[in-house]
């Protein structure tokens, strides 16, 4: 996984928040990993641009349970996996 060289302002903001991505051979994003304290309930609005990425994983974030539920509703086209669930 790597931090992407996003070009739009929204994508740069996501990269600065610590969003890590995987891409396929064609450069299409196949997975995004959200981790770190900058991923929090107050920043959910900035994560809407992730909709459509096949898999979005969240782990070790500052998201509350309610925030995680909101994120899943914000990304209806993505599979949101909570890596913190045991």
Protein backbone atom coordinates (compact mmCIF):
# COMPACT_ATOMS: atom_id res chain seq x y z
CA UNK A 1 0.00 0.00 0.00
CA UNK A 2 1.13 3.50 -0.68
CA UNK A 3 -0.03 7.05 -0.37
CA UNK A 4 -1.28 8.10 -3.74
CA UNK A 5 -0.20 11.02 -5.89
CA UNK A 6 -3.73 12.47 -6.02
CA UNK A 7 -4.25 15.51 -8.20
CA UNK A 8 -7.56 17.08 -7.20
CA UNK A 9 -7.92 19.20 -4.06
CA UNK A 10 -10.27 16.62 -2.51
CA UNK A 11 -7.84 13.81 -3.25
CA UNK A 12 -4.91 15.77 -1.79
CA UNK A 13 -6.95 16.37 1.36
CA UNK A 14 -7.61 12.62 1.63
CA UNK A 15 -3.92 11.84 1.18
CA UNK A 16 -3.03 14.33 3.91
CA UNK A 17 -5.48 12.55 6.21
CA UNK A 18 -3.57 9.30 5.77
CA UNK A 19 -5.66 7.43 3.22
CA UNK A 20 -3.56 4.62 1.75
CA UNK A 21 -4.54 2.94 -1.50
CA UNK A 22 -3.91 -0.15 -3.62
CA UNK A 23 -4.21 0.00 -7.38
CA UNK A 24 -4.42 -2.61 -10.11
CA UNK A 25 -2.15 -2.82 -13.16
CA UNK A 26 -4.25 -0.19 -14.96
CA UNK A 27 -3.90 2.27 -12.06
CA UNK A 28 -7.50 1.88 -10.89
CA UNK A 29 -7.97 2.11 -7.14
CA UNK A 30 -8.99 -1.30 -5.80
CA UNK A 31 -8.75 -0.68 -2.06
CA UNK A 32 -8.39 2.24 0.33
CA UNK A 33 -7.24 1.95 3.93
CA UNK A 34 -8.24 4.61 6.43
CA UNK A 35 -6.04 4.69 9.50
CA UNK A 36 -4.79 7.15 12.05
CA UNK A 37 -6.20 9.88 14.27
CA UNK A 38 -7.06 12.24 11.40
CA UNK A 39 -9.81 9.83 10.35
CA UNK A 40 -12.52 11.04 12.73
CA UNK A 41 -16.24 11.80 12.84
CA UNK A 42 -15.62 15.48 12.09
CA UNK A 43 -13.83 14.60 8.83
CA UNK A 44 -16.46 12.23 7.42
CA UNK A 45 -17.55 14.79 4.83
CA UNK A 46 -14.06 14.60 3.30
CA UNK A 47 -14.39 10.84 2.81
CA UNK A 48 -17.40 10.91 0.48
CA UNK A 49 -15.06 10.91 -2.52
CA UNK A 50 -14.13 7.32 -1.72
CA UNK A 51 -17.52 6.03 -2.87
CA UNK A 52 -17.06 3.60 -5.71
CA UNK A 53 -13.75 2.21 -4.48
CA UNK A 54 -14.46 -1.51 -4.23
CA UNK A 55 -13.09 -2.02 -0.70
CA UNK A 56 -12.57 0.58 2.03
CA UNK A 57 -10.90 -0.68 5.19
CA UNK A 58 -10.91 1.25 8.46
CA UNK A 59 -8.68 0.51 11.40
CA UNK A 60 -6.97 2.33 14.24
CA UNK A 61 -8.96 5.51 13.56
CA UNK A 62 -10.67 8.06 15.79
CA UNK A 63 -14.09 7.16 14.36
CA UNK A 64 -16.82 6.46 16.89
CA UNK A 65 -19.25 3.56 16.38
CA UNK A 66 -21.77 6.10 15.06
CA UNK A 67 -19.11 7.55 12.74
CA UNK A 68 -18.36 4.11 11.31
CA UNK A 69 -22.07 3.57 10.64
CA UNK A 70 -22.29 6.97 8.94
CA UNK A 71 -19.26 6.13 6.80
CA UNK A 72 -20.94 2.94 5.59
CA UNK A 73 -24.02 4.95 4.58
CA UNK A 74 -21.80 7.58 2.91
CA UNK A 75 -20.14 4.89 0.77
CA UNK A 76 -23.03 2.72 -0.49
CA UNK A 77 -21.07 1.47 -3.52
CA UNK A 78 -18.12 0.28 -1.42
CA UNK A 79 -17.58 -2.64 0.90
CA UNK A 80 -16.52 -1.05 4.19
CA UNK A 81 -14.50 -3.40 6.37
CA UNK A 82 -13.89 -2.51 10.03
CA UNK A 83 -10.48 -3.98 10.91
CA UNK A 84 -10.93 -3.07 14.60
CA UNK A 85 -13.74 -5.63 15.08
CA UNK A 86 -12.53 -8.71 16.90
